Amino acid sequence: MLQQQGSIFQTTTDTEIIAHLIARSSKKHFAESAPDMLKRIDGSFALIIMTEKQMLIALDRHGLRPLSLGKIGESIIASSETCALNTVDAKFWREVEPGEWLLIDEHGIQTGRFSKR
């Protein structure tokens, strides 16, 4: 579909497909286009996508991969395993739920679902 719309791919990675979906979204801002992109992909993934000022964290609708959230002070970090949190002296906060996304920026944390559990 993306190639038919004119996308030119430089690699064969899933990451490039995700970038094209965000770039081609009808939504103007990352905070809207990134969660919208999640509705269009399927499979097993644990995503962390960062811009200069925002971070999107998402887990696939099936929950096939782990994705843990921790805190260092007021800062949020994400890791595929809780043992990595210990390495940086972070405190475990919670697991990301299947089909859930979190958008973190200077205004706080927004959460939403792109798929029912």
PDB file of N, CA and C in Angstrom:
ATOM      1  N   MET A   1       0.827  -1.189   0.000  1.00  0.00           N
ATOM      2  CA  MET A   1       0.000   0.000   0.000  1.00  0.00           C
ATOM      3  C   MET A   1       0.875   1.259   0.000  1.00  0.00           C
ATOM      4  N   LEU A   2       1.913   1.278   0.849  1.00  0.00           N
ATOM      5  CA  LEU A   2       2.776   2.449   0.910  1.00  0.00           C
ATOM      6  C   LEU A   2       3.519   2.674  -0.403  1.00  0.00           C
ATOM      7  N   GLN A   3       3.990   1.595  -1.020  1.00  0.00           N
ATOM      8  CA  GLN A   3       4.679   1.734  -2.304  1.00  0.00           C
ATOM      9  C   GLN A   3       3.731   2.267  -3.376  1.00  0.00           C
ATOM     10  N   GLN A   4       2.480   1.818  -3.351  1.00  0.00           N
ATOM     11  CA  GLN A   4       1.500   2.312  -4.320  1.00  0.00           C
ATOM     12  C   GLN A   4       1.221   3.795  -4.124  1.00  0.00           C
ATOM     13  N   GLN A   5       1.420   4.275  -2.887  1.00  0.00           N
ATOM     14  CA  GLN A   5       1.218   5.699  -2.593  1.00  0.00           C
ATOM     15  C   GLN A   5       2.476   6.527  -2.833  1.00  0.00           C
ATOM     16  N   GLY A   6       3.551   5.873  -3.294  1.00  0.00           N
ATOM     17  CA  GLY A   6       4.762   6.610  -3.645  1.00  0.00           C
ATOM     18  C   GLY A   6       5.919   6.497  -2.663  1.00  0.00           C
ATOM     19  N   SER A   7       5.758   5.725  -1.595  1.00  0.00           N
ATOM     20  CA  SER A   7       6.868   5.562  -0.649  1.00  0.00           C
ATOM     21  C   SER A   7       8.008   4.795  -1.311  1.00  0.00           C
ATOM     22  N   ILE A   8       9.208   5.253  -1.057  1.00  0.00           N
ATOM     23  CA  ILE A   8      10.402   4.580  -1.553  1.00  0.00           C
ATOM     24  C   ILE A   8      11.162   4.074  -0.341  1.00  0.00           C
ATOM     25  N   PHE A   9      11.414   2.776  -0.321  1.00  0.00           N
ATOM     26  CA  PHE A   9      12.074   2.156   0.820  1.00  0.00           C
ATOM     27  C   PHE A   9      13.559   1.963   0.549  1.00  0.00           C
ATOM     28  N   GLN A  10      14.358   2.257   1.561  1.00  0.00           N
ATOM     29  CA  GLN A  10      15.808   2.117   1.464  1.00  0.00           C
ATOM     30  C   GLN A  10      16.294   0.824   2.111  1.00  0.00           C
ATOM     31  N   THR A  11      15.454   0.222   2.971  1.00  0.00           N
ATOM     32  CA  THR A  11      15.836  -0.988   3.706  1.00  0.00           C
ATOM     33  C   THR A  11      14.672  -1.971   3.668  1.00  0.00           C
ATOM     34  N   THR A  12      14.832  -3.073   4.362  1.00  0.00           N
ATOM     35  CA  THR A  12      13.750  -4.055   4.491  1.00  0.00           C
ATOM     36  C   THR A  12      13.298  -4.165   5.951  1.00  0.00           C
ATOM     37  N   THR A  13      13.551  -3.136   6.741  1.00  0.00           N
ATOM     38  CA  THR A  13      13.214  -3.192   8.160  1.00  0.00           C
ATOM     39  C   THR A  13      11.779  -2.737   8.429  1.00  0.00           C
ATOM     40  N   ASP A  14      11.208  -3.300   9.459  1.00  0.00           N
ATOM     41  CA  ASP A  14       9.877  -2.885   9.897  1.00  0.00           C
ATOM     42  C   ASP A  14       9.884  -1.428  10.356  1.00  0.00           C
ATOM     43  N   THR A  15      11.001  -1.011  10.903  1.00  0.00           N
ATOM     44  CA  THR A  15      11.134   0.353  11.408  1.00  0.00           C
ATOM     45  C   THR A  15      10.888   1.376  10.313  1.00  0.00           C
ATOM     46  N   GLU A  16      11.361   1.097   9.122  1.00  0.00           N
ATOM     47  CA  GLU A  16      11.160   2.032   8.015  1.00  0.00           C
ATOM     48  C   GLU A  16       9.684   2.115   7.627  1.00  0.00           C
ATOM     49  N   ILE A  17       8.989   0.999   7.695  1.00  0.00           N
ATOM     50  CA  ILE A  17       7.545   1.005   7.413  1.00  0.00           C
ATOM     51  C   ILE A  17       6.822   1.868   8.438  1.00  0.00           C
ATOM     52  N   ILE A  18       7.184   1.727   9.698  1.00  0.00           N
ATOM     53  CA  ILE A  18       6.575   2.524  10.766  1.00  0.00           C
ATOM     54  C   ILE A  18       6.826   4.008  10.529  1.00  0.00           C
ATOM     55  N   ALA A  19       8.046   4.363  10.161  1.00  0.00           N
ATOM     56  CA  ALA A  19       8.371   5.772   9.886  1.00  0.00           C
ATOM     57  C   ALA A  19       7.533   6.317   8.730  1.00  0.00           C
ATOM     58  N   HIS A  20       7.359   5.522   7.683  1.00  0.00           N
ATOM     59  CA  HIS A  20       6.538   5.960   6.545  1.00  0.00           C
ATOM     60  C   HIS A  20       5.074   6.131   6.959  1.00  0.00           C
ATOM     61  N   LEU A  21       4.560   5.231   7.781  1.00  0.00           N
ATOM     62  CA  LEU A  21       3.169   5.359   8.226  1.00  0.00           C
ATOM     63  C   LEU A  21       2.956   6.633   9.041  1.00  0.00           C
ATOM     64  N   ILE A  22       3.919   6.958   9.888  1.00  0.00           N
ATOM     65  CA  ILE A  22       3.813   8.193  10.668  1.00  0.00           C
ATOM     66  C   ILE A  22       3.907   9.404   9.743  1.00  0.00           C
ATOM     67  N   ALA A  23       4.858   9.384   8.831  1.00  0.00           N
ATOM     68  CA  ALA A  23       5.063  10.517   7.923  1.00  0.00           C
ATOM     69  C   ALA A  23       3.868  10.736   6.999  1.00  0.00           C
ATOM     70  N   ARG A  24       3.201   9.680   6.593  1.00  0.00           N
ATOM     71  CA  ARG A  24       2.080   9.788   5.656  1.00  0.00           C
ATOM     72  C   ARG A  24       0.723   9.936   6.348  1.00  0.00           C
ATOM     73  N   SER A  25       0.728  10.003   7.645  1.00  0.00           N
ATOM     74  CA  SER A  25      -0.523  10.141   8.389  1.00  0.00           C
ATOM     75  C   SER A  25      -1.223  11.453   8.041  1.00  0.00           C
ATOM     76  N   SER A  26      -2.530  11.425   8.093  1.00  0.00           N
ATOM     77  CA  SER A  26      -3.295  12.651   7.883  1.00  0.00           C
ATOM     78  C   SER A  26      -3.243  13.553   9.118  1.00  0.00           C
ATOM     79  N   LYS A  27      -2.775  13.010  10.214  1.00  0.00           N
ATOM     80  CA  LYS A  27      -2.622  13.795  11.456  1.00  0.00           C
ATOM     81  C   LYS A  27      -1.354  14.637  11.335  1.00  0.00           C
ATOM     82  N   LYS A  28      -1.400  15.850  11.843  1.00  0.00           N
ATOM     83  CA  LYS A  28      -0.280  16.770  11.654  1.00  0.00           C
ATOM     84  C   LYS A  28       0.809  16.652  12.708  1.00  0.00           C
ATOM     85  N   HIS A  29       0.471  16.185  13.893  1.00  0.00           N
ATOM     86  CA  HIS A  29       1.424  16.170  14.993  1.00  0.00           C
ATOM     87  C   HIS A  29       1.750  14.737  15.405  1.00  0.00           C
ATOM     88  N   PHE A  30       2.999  14.521  15.819  1.00  0.00           N
ATOM     89  CA  PHE A  30       3.461  13.207  16.246  1.00  0.00           C
ATOM     90  C   PHE A  30       2.546  12.614  17.320  1.00  0.00           C
ATOM     91  N   ALA A  31       2.070  13.445  18.232  1.00  0.00           N
ATOM     92  CA  ALA A  31       1.212  12.973  19.321  1.00  0.00           C
ATOM     93  C   ALA A  31      -0.086  12.352  18.804  1.00  0.00           C
ATOM     94  N   GLU A  32      -0.470  12.678  17.585  1.00  0.00           N
ATOM     95  CA  GLU A  32      -1.670  12.098  16.980  1.00  0.00           C
ATOM     96  C   GLU A  32      -1.322  11.038  15.938  1.00  0.00           C
ATOM     97  N   SER A  33      -0.280  11.282  15.154  1.00  0.00           N
ATOM     98  CA  SER A  33       0.053  10.363  14.067  1.00  0.00           C
ATOM     99  C   SER A  33       0.664   9.056  14.559  1.00  0.00           C
ATOM    100  N   ALA A  34       1.458   9.103  15.622  1.00  0.00           N
ATOM    101  CA  ALA A  34       2.088   7.880  16.118  1.00  0.00           C
ATOM    102  C   ALA A  34       1.055   6.902  16.686  1.00  0.00           C
ATOM    103  N   PRO A  35       0.152   7.328  17.579  1.00  0.00           N
ATOM    104  CA  PRO A  35      -0.879   6.388  18.032  1.00  0.00           C
ATOM    105  C   PRO A  35      -1.778   5.900  16.895  1.00  0.00           C
ATOM    106  N   ASP A  36      -2.033   6.765  15.915  1.00  0.00           N
ATOM    107  CA  ASP A  36      -2.841   6.377  14.766  1.00  0.00           C
ATOM    108  C   ASP A  36      -2.148   5.284  13.956  1.00  0.00           C
ATOM    109  N   MET A  37      -0.828   5.374  13.820  1.00  0.00           N
ATOM    110  CA  MET A  37      -0.041   4.373  13.101  1.00  0.00           C
ATOM    111  C   MET A  37      -0.191   2.996  13.736  1.00  0.00           C
ATOM    112  N   LEU A  38      -0.276   2.946  15.063  1.00  0.00           N
ATOM    113  CA  LEU A  38      -0.351   1.664  15.768  1.00  0.00           C
ATOM    114  C   LEU A  38      -1.579   0.851  15.372  1.00  0.00           C
ATOM    115  N   LYS A  39      -2.643   1.523  14.987  1.00  0.00           N
ATOM    116  CA  LYS A  39      -3.866   0.832  14.550  1.00  0.00           C
ATOM    117  C   LYS A  39      -3.670   0.122  13.215  1.00  0.00           C
ATOM    118  N   ARG A  40      -2.613   0.502  12.489  1.00  0.00           N
ATOM    119  CA  ARG A  40      -2.408  -0.012  11.135  1.00  0.00           C
ATOM    120  C   ARG A  40      -1.387  -1.138  11.046  1.00  0.00           C
ATOM    121  N   ILE A  41      -0.725  -1.444  12.155  1.00  0.00           N
ATOM    122  CA  ILE A  41       0.283  -2.508  12.113  1.00  0.00           C
ATOM    123  C   ILE A  41      -0.148  -3.665  13.008  1.00  0.00           C
ATOM    124  N   ASP A  42       0.342  -4.840  12.691  1.00  0.00           N
ATOM    125  CA  ASP A  42       0.048  -6.026  13.489  1.00  0.00           C
ATOM    126  C   ASP A  42       1.328  -6.834  13.597  1.00  0.00           C
ATOM    127  N   GLY A  43       1.380  -7.684  14.564  1.00  0.00           N
ATOM    128  CA  GLY A  43       2.569  -8.499  14.765  1.00  0.00           C
ATOM    129  C   GLY A  43       3.053  -8.358  16.183  1.00  0.00           C
ATOM    130  N   SER A  44       4.263  -8.780  16.410  1.00  0.00           N
ATOM    131  CA  SER A  44       4.861  -8.755  17.729  1.00  0.00           C
ATOM    132  C   SER A  44       5.847  -7.598  17.800  1.00  0.00           C
ATOM    133  N   PHE A  45       5.584  -6.639  18.699  1.00  0.00           N
ATOM    134  CA  PHE A  45       6.500  -5.511  18.827  1.00  0.00           C
ATOM    135  C   PHE A  45       6.409  -4.876  20.202  1.00  0.00           C
ATOM    136  N   ALA A  46       7.501  -4.300  20.598  1.00  0.00           N
ATOM    137  CA  ALA A  46       7.599  -3.439  21.768  1.00  0.00           C
ATOM    138  C   ALA A  46       8.344  -2.207  21.266  1.00  0.00           C
ATOM    139  N   LEU A  47       7.638  -1.098  21.136  1.00  0.00           N
ATOM    140  CA  LEU A  47       8.196   0.089  20.482  1.00  0.00           C
ATOM    141  C   LEU A  47       8.531   1.200  21.465  1.00  0.00           C
ATOM    142  N   ILE A  48       9.628   1.847  21.185  1.00  0.00           N
ATOM    143  CA  ILE A  48       9.968   3.119  21.806  1.00  0.00           C
ATOM    144  C   ILE A  48      10.390   4.020  20.651  1.00  0.00           C
ATOM    145  N   ILE A  49       9.626   5.064  20.422  1.00  0.00           N
ATOM    146  CA  ILE A  49       9.918   6.007  19.347  1.00  0.00           C
ATOM    147  C   ILE A  49      10.109   7.374  19.987  1.00  0.00           C
ATOM    148  N   MET A  50      11.244   7.999  19.671  1.00  0.00           N
ATOM    149  CA  MET A  50      11.534   9.285  20.289  1.00  0.00           C
ATOM    150  C   MET A  50      11.717  10.382  19.251  1.00  0.00           C
ATOM    151  N   THR A  51      11.211  11.545  19.596  1.00  0.00           N
ATOM    152  CA  THR A  51      11.525  12.760  18.866  1.00  0.00           C
ATOM    153  C   THR A  51      12.370  13.605  19.825  1.00  0.00           C
ATOM    154  N   GLU A  52      12.662  14.831  19.447  1.00  0.00           N
ATOM    155  CA  GLU A  52      13.427  15.691  20.347  1.00  0.00           C
ATOM    156  C   GLU A  52      12.704  15.945  21.661  1.00  0.00           C
ATOM    157  N   LYS A  53      11.369  15.974  21.623  1.00  0.00           N
ATOM    158  CA  LYS A  53      10.622  16.371  22.811  1.00  0.00           C
ATOM    159  C   LYS A  53       9.593  15.361  23.286  1.00  0.00           C
ATOM    160  N   GLN A  54       9.417  14.260  22.570  1.00  0.00           N
ATOM    161  CA  GLN A  54       8.385  13.296  22.937  1.00  0.00           C
ATOM    162  C   GLN A  54       8.908  11.867  22.821  1.00  0.00           C
ATOM    163  N   MET A  55       8.292  10.991  23.617  1.00  0.00           N
ATOM    164  CA  MET A  55       8.617   9.576  23.547  1.00  0.00           C
ATOM    165  C   MET A  55       7.308   8.785  23.539  1.00  0.00           C
ATOM    166  N   LEU A  56       7.165   7.931  22.530  1.00  0.00           N
ATOM    167  CA  LEU A  56       6.010   7.042  22.434  1.00  0.00           C
ATOM    168  C   LEU A  56       6.480   5.636  22.802  1.00  0.00           C
ATOM    169  N   ILE A  57       5.746   5.002  23.694  1.00  0.00           N
ATOM    170  CA  ILE A  57       6.021   3.629  24.107  1.00  0.00           C
ATOM    171  C   ILE A  57       4.767   2.829  23.798  1.00  0.00           C
ATOM    172  N   ALA A  58       4.912   1.663  23.173  1.00  0.00           N
ATOM    173  CA  ALA A  58       3.732   0.864  22.812  1.00  0.00           C
ATOM    174  C   ALA A  58       4.077  -0.610  22.784  1.00  0.00           C
ATOM    175  N   LEU A  59       3.083  -1.420  23.119  1.00  0.00           N
ATOM    176  CA  LEU A  59       3.220  -2.878  23.094  1.00  0.00           C
ATOM    177  C   LEU A  59       2.143  -3.451  22.184  1.00  0.00           C
ATOM    178  N   ASP A  60       2.524  -4.451  21.386  1.00  0.00           N
ATOM    179  CA  ASP A  60       1.585  -5.045  20.432  1.00  0.00           C
ATOM    180  C   ASP A  60       0.304  -5.541  21.113  1.00  0.00           C
ATOM    181  N   ARG A  61      -0.715  -5.681  20.319  1.00  0.00           N
ATOM    182  CA  ARG A  61      -2.043  -6.040  20.836  1.00  0.00           C
ATOM    183  C   ARG A  61      -2.114  -7.432  21.454  1.00  0.00           C
ATOM    184  N   HIS A  62      -1.130  -8.273  21.146  1.00  0.00           N
ATOM    185  CA  HIS A  62      -1.122  -9.637  21.682  1.00  0.00           C
ATOM    186  C   HIS A  62      -0.255  -9.766  22.935  1.00  0.00           C
ATOM    187  N   GLY A  63       0.539  -8.774  23.227  1.00  0.00           N
ATOM    188  CA  GLY A  63       1.418  -8.802  24.395  1.00  0.00           C
ATOM    189  C   GLY A  63       2.488  -9.871  24.294  1.00  0.00           C
ATOM    190  N   LEU A  64       2.991 -10.092  23.083  1.00  0.00           N
ATOM    191  CA  LEU A  64       3.945 -11.173  22.864  1.00  0.00           C
ATOM    192  C   LEU A  64       5.349 -10.861  23.369  1.00  0.00           C
ATOM    193  N   ARG A  65       5.644  -9.610  23.602  1.00  0.00           N
ATOM    194  CA  ARG A  65       6.962  -9.235  24.118  1.00  0.00           C
ATOM    195  C   ARG A  65       6.775  -8.464  25.427  1.00  0.00           C
ATOM    196  N   PRO A  66       7.747  -8.559  26.311  1.00  0.00           N
ATOM    197  CA  PRO A  66       7.636  -7.776  27.552  1.00  0.00           C
ATOM    198  C   PRO A  66       8.052  -6.325  27.321  1.00  0.00           C
ATOM    199  N   LEU A  67       7.478  -5.425  28.094  1.00  0.00           N
ATOM    200  CA  LEU A  67       7.875  -4.019  28.057  1.00  0.00           C
ATOM    201  C   LEU A  67       7.579  -3.419  29.428  1.00  0.00           C
ATOM    202  N   SER A  68       8.640  -3.124  30.141  1.00  0.00           N
ATOM    203  CA  SER A  68       8.536  -2.631  31.514  1.00  0.00           C
ATOM    204  C   SER A  68       8.815  -1.140  31.566  1.00  0.00           C
ATOM    205  N   LEU A  69       8.157  -0.484  32.508  1.00  0.00           N
ATOM    206  CA  LEU A  69       8.384   0.934  32.740  1.00  0.00           C
ATOM    207  C   LEU A  69       8.979   1.116  34.128  1.00  0.00           C
ATOM    208  N   GLY A  70       9.912   2.037  34.216  1.00  0.00           N
ATOM    209  CA  GLY A  70      10.529   2.358  35.491  1.00  0.00           C
ATOM    210  C   GLY A  70      10.643   3.852  35.645  1.00  0.00           C
ATOM    211  N   LYS A  71      11.046   4.251  36.844  1.00  0.00           N
ATOM    212  CA  LYS A  71      11.232   5.677  37.119  1.00  0.00           C
ATOM    213  C   LYS A  71      12.570   5.889  37.810  1.00  0.00           C
ATOM    214  N   ILE A  72      13.213   6.947  37.392  1.00  0.00           N
ATOM    215  CA  ILE A  72      14.370   7.480  38.097  1.00  0.00           C
ATOM    216  C   ILE A  72      13.961   8.898  38.467  1.00  0.00           C
ATOM    217  N   GLY A  73      13.621   9.106  39.707  1.00  0.00           N
ATOM    218  CA  GLY A  73      13.031  10.386  40.105  1.00  0.00           C
ATOM    219  C   GLY A  73      11.701  10.539  39.397  1.00  0.00           C
ATOM    220  N   GLU A  74      11.545  11.622  38.653  1.00  0.00           N
ATOM    221  CA  GLU A  74      10.321  11.859  37.885  1.00  0.00           C
ATOM    222  C   GLU A  74      10.445  11.412  36.430  1.00  0.00           C
ATOM    223  N   SER A  75      11.616  10.943  36.035  1.00  0.00           N
ATOM    224  CA  SER A  75      11.848  10.519  34.653  1.00  0.00           C
ATOM    225  C   SER A  75      11.362   9.097  34.435  1.00  0.00           C
ATOM    226  N   ILE A  76      10.748   8.863  33.277  1.00  0.00           N
ATOM    227  CA  ILE A  76      10.247   7.547  32.900  1.00  0.00           C
ATOM    228  C   ILE A  76      11.251   6.878  31.976  1.00  0.00           C
ATOM    229  N   ILE A  77      11.509   5.598  32.217  1.00  0.00           N
ATOM    230  CA  ILE A  77      12.349   4.827  31.309  1.00  0.00           C
ATOM    231  C   ILE A  77      11.609   3.552  30.939  1.00  0.00           C
ATOM    232  N   ALA A  78      11.957   2.992  29.815  1.00  0.00           N
ATOM    233  CA  ALA A  78      11.335   1.758  29.342  1.00  0.00           C
ATOM    234  C   ALA A  78      12.422   0.747  29.046  1.00  0.00           C
ATOM    235  N   SER A  79      12.086  -0.515  29.278  1.00  0.00           N
ATOM    236  CA  SER A  79      13.047  -1.582  29.056  1.00  0.00           C
ATOM    237  C   SER A  79      12.294  -2.860  28.730  1.00  0.00           C
ATOM    238  N   SER A  80      12.957  -3.725  27.968  1.00  0.00           N
ATOM    239  CA  SER A  80      12.323  -4.998  27.642  1.00  0.00           C
ATOM    240  C   SER A  80      12.296  -5.949  28.837  1.00  0.00           C
ATOM    241  N   GLU A  81      13.117  -5.693  29.843  1.00  0.00           N
ATOM    242  CA  GLU A  81      13.137  -6.554  31.018  1.00  0.00           C
ATOM    243  C   GLU A  81      13.359  -5.727  32.276  1.00  0.00           C
ATOM    244  N   THR A  82      12.767  -6.158  33.368  1.00  0.00           N
ATOM    245  CA  THR A  82      12.897  -5.416  34.619  1.00  0.00           C
ATOM    246  C   THR A  82      14.325  -5.435  35.156  1.00  0.00           C
ATOM    247  N   CYS A  83      15.108  -6.464  34.832  1.00  0.00           N
ATOM    248  CA  CYS A  83      16.487  -6.507  35.332  1.00  0.00           C
ATOM    249  C   CYS A  83      17.307  -5.333  34.811  1.00  0.00           C
ATOM    250  N   ALA A  84      16.974  -4.800  33.644  1.00  0.00           N
ATOM    251  CA  ALA A  84      17.685  -3.641  33.108  1.00  0.00           C
ATOM    252  C   ALA A  84      17.411  -2.394  33.947  1.00  0.00           C
ATOM    253  N   LEU A  85      16.245  -2.337  34.563  1.00  0.00           N
ATOM    254  CA  LEU A  85      15.919  -1.200  35.421  1.00  0.00           C
ATOM    255  C   LEU A  85      16.873  -1.151  36.611  1.00  0.00           C
ATOM    256  N   ASN A  86      17.171  -2.313  37.168  1.00  0.00           N
ATOM    257  CA  ASN A  86      18.086  -2.385  38.304  1.00  0.00           C
ATOM    258  C   ASN A  86      19.468  -1.863  37.945  1.00  0.00           C
ATOM    259  N   THR A  87      19.892  -2.110  36.725  1.00  0.00           N
ATOM    260  CA  THR A  87      21.225  -1.703  36.266  1.00  0.00           C
ATOM    261  C   THR A  87      21.414  -0.199  36.336  1.00  0.00           C
ATOM    262  N   VAL A  88      20.342   0.557  36.131  1.00  0.00           N
ATOM    263  CA  VAL A  88      20.432   2.024  36.148  1.00  0.00           C
ATOM    264  C   VAL A  88      19.775   2.618  37.398  1.00  0.00           C
ATOM    265  N   ASP A  89      19.579   1.787  38.406  1.00  0.00           N
ATOM    266  CA  ASP A  89      18.975   2.210  39.678  1.00  0.00           C
ATOM    267  C   ASP A  89      17.589   2.820  39.523  1.00  0.00           C
ATOM    268  N   ALA A  90      16.821   2.290  38.589  1.00  0.00           N
ATOM    269  CA  ALA A  90      15.440   2.743  38.403  1.00  0.00           C
ATOM    270  C   ALA A  90      14.513   1.874  39.251  1.00  0.00           C
ATOM    271  N   LYS A  91      13.403   2.449  39.633  1.00  0.00           N
ATOM    272  CA  LYS A  91      12.392   1.696  40.369  1.00  0.00           C
ATOM    273  C   LYS A  91      11.324   1.233  39.390  1.00  0.00           C
ATOM    274  N   PHE A  92      10.983  -0.041  39.459  1.00  0.00           N
ATOM    275  CA  PHE A  92       9.924  -0.578  38.601  1.00  0.00           C
ATOM    276  C   PHE A  92       8.641   0.182  38.876  1.00  0.00           C
ATOM    277  N   TRP A  93       7.966   0.598  37.796  1.00  0.00           N
ATOM    278  CA  TRP A  93       6.702   1.306  37.915  1.00  0.00           C
ATOM    279  C   TRP A  93       5.553   0.377  37.545  1.00  0.00           C
ATOM    280  N   ARG A  94       5.591  -0.146  36.279  1.00  0.00           N
ATOM    281  CA  ARG A  94       4.543  -1.058  35.832  1.00  0.00           C
ATOM    282  C   ARG A  94       4.896  -1.640  34.476  1.00  0.00           C
ATOM    283  N   GLU A  95       4.141  -2.628  34.048  1.00  0.00           N
ATOM    284  CA  GLU A  95       4.280  -3.208  32.705  1.00  0.00           C
ATOM    285  C   GLU A  95       3.355  -2.446  31.755  1.00  0.00           C
ATOM    286  N   VAL A  96       3.754  -2.344  30.506  1.00  0.00           N
ATOM    287  CA  VAL A  96       2.874  -1.805  29.473  1.00  0.00           C
ATOM    288  C   VAL A  96       1.911  -2.923  29.104  1.00  0.00           C
ATOM    289  N   GLU A  97       0.644  -2.615  29.020  1.00  0.00           N
ATOM    290  CA  GLU A  97      -0.373  -3.622  28.707  1.00  0.00           C
ATOM    291  C   GLU A  97      -0.463  -3.855  27.193  1.00  0.00           C
ATOM    292  N   PRO A  98      -0.865  -5.052  26.790  1.00  0.00           N
ATOM    293  CA  PRO A  98      -1.054  -5.316  25.356  1.00  0.00           C
ATOM    294  C   PRO A  98      -2.044  -4.317  24.743  1.00  0.00           C
ATOM    295  N   GLY A  99      -1.670  -3.755  23.588  1.00  0.00           N
ATOM    296  CA  GLY A  99      -2.543  -2.802  22.901  1.00  0.00           C
ATOM    297  C   GLY A  99      -2.533  -1.411  23.501  1.00  0.00           C
ATOM    298  N   GLU A 100      -1.590  -1.125  24.381  1.00  0.00           N
ATOM    299  CA  GLU A 100      -1.534   0.175  25.048  1.00  0.00           C
ATOM    300  C   GLU A 100      -0.388   1.019  24.486  1.00  0.00           C
ATOM    301  N   TRP A 101      -0.578   2.332  24.479  1.00  0.00           N
ATOM    302  CA  TRP A 101       0.490   3.268  24.154  1.00  0.00           C
ATOM    303  C   TRP A 101       0.567   4.339  25.227  1.00  0.00           C
ATOM    304  N   LEU A 102       1.760   4.869  25.400  1.00  0.00           N
ATOM    305  CA  LEU A 102       1.996   5.994  26.305  1.00  0.00           C
ATOM    306  C   LEU A 102       2.784   7.039  25.533  1.00  0.00           C
ATOM    307  N   LEU A 103       2.405   8.286  25.648  1.00  0.00           N
ATOM    308  CA  LEU A 103       3.137   9.392  25.044  1.00  0.00           C
ATOM    309  C   LEU A 103       3.627  10.267  26.190  1.00  0.00           C
ATOM    310  N   ILE A 104       4.933  10.420  26.279  1.00  0.00           N
ATOM    311  CA  ILE A 104       5.540  11.164  27.372  1.00  0.00           C
ATOM    312  C   ILE A 104       6.227  12.393  26.798  1.00  0.00           C
ATOM    313  N   ASP A 105       5.913  13.549  27.390  1.00  0.00           N
ATOM    314  CA  ASP A 105       6.565  14.786  26.976  1.00  0.00           C
ATOM    315  C   ASP A 105       6.602  15.738  28.155  1.00  0.00           C
ATOM    316  N   GLU A 106       6.954  16.986  27.897  1.00  0.00           N
ATOM    317  CA  GLU A 106       7.098  17.972  28.974  1.00  0.00           C
ATOM    318  C   GLU A 106       5.785  18.260  29.702  1.00  0.00           C
ATOM    319  N   HIS A 107       4.674  17.876  29.108  1.00  0.00           N
ATOM    320  CA  HIS A 107       3.367  18.122  29.721  1.00  0.00           C
ATOM    321  C   HIS A 107       2.893  16.942  30.577  1.00  0.00           C
ATOM    322  N   GLY A 108       3.621  15.836  30.535  1.00  0.00           N
ATOM    323  CA  GLY A 108       3.241  14.681  31.335  1.00  0.00           C
ATOM    324  C   GLY A 108       3.087  13.427  30.492  1.00  0.00           C
ATOM    325  N   ILE A 109       2.184  12.572  30.937  1.00  0.00           N
ATOM    326  CA  ILE A 109       1.981  11.276  30.288  1.00  0.00           C
ATOM    327  C   ILE A 109       0.544  11.177  29.792  1.00  0.00           C
ATOM    328  N   GLN A 110       0.399  10.864  28.508  1.00  0.00           N
ATOM    329  CA  GLN A 110      -0.912  10.533  27.939  1.00  0.00           C
ATOM    330  C   GLN A 110      -0.899   9.029  27.687  1.00  0.00           C
ATOM    331  N   THR A 111      -2.006   8.380  27.927  1.00  0.00           N
ATOM    332  CA  THR A 111      -2.094   6.956  27.616  1.00  0.00           C
ATOM    333  C   THR A 111      -3.325   6.706  26.778  1.00  0.00           C
ATOM    334  N   GLY A 112      -3.281   5.622  26.051  1.00  0.00           N
ATOM    335  CA  GLY A 112      -4.427   5.242  25.236  1.00  0.00           C
ATOM    336  C   GLY A 112      -4.288   3.805  24.802  1.00  0.00           C
ATOM    337  N   ARG A 113      -5.292   3.346  24.111  1.00  0.00           N
ATOM    338  CA  ARG A 113      -5.309   1.978  23.597  1.00  0.00           C
ATOM    339  C   ARG A 113      -5.547   2.033  22.096  1.00  0.00           C
ATOM    340  N   PHE A 114      -4.814   1.209  21.372  1.00  0.00           N
ATOM    341  CA  PHE A 114      -5.054   1.097  19.940  1.00  0.00           C
ATOM    342  C   PHE A 114      -5.716  -0.233  19.636  1.00  0.00           C
ATOM    343  N   SER A 115      -5.854  -1.069  20.647  1.00  0.00           N
ATOM    344  CA  SER A 115      -6.503  -2.362  20.474  1.00  0.00           C
ATOM    345  C   SER A 115      -7.017  -2.837  21.824  1.00  0.00           C
ATOM    346  N   LYS A 116      -8.153  -3.510  21.785  1.00  0.00           N
ATOM    347  CA  LYS A 116      -8.658  -4.104  23.014  1.00  0.00           C
ATOM    348  C   LYS A 116      -7.845  -5.328  23.333  1.00  0.00           C
ATOM    349  N   ARG A 117      -7.735  -5.625  24.579  1.00  0.00           N
ATOM    350  CA  ARG A 117      -6.958  -6.764  25.051  1.00  0.00           C
ATOM    351  C   ARG A 117      -7.573  -8.066  24.703  1.00  0.00           C
TER     352      ARG A 117
END
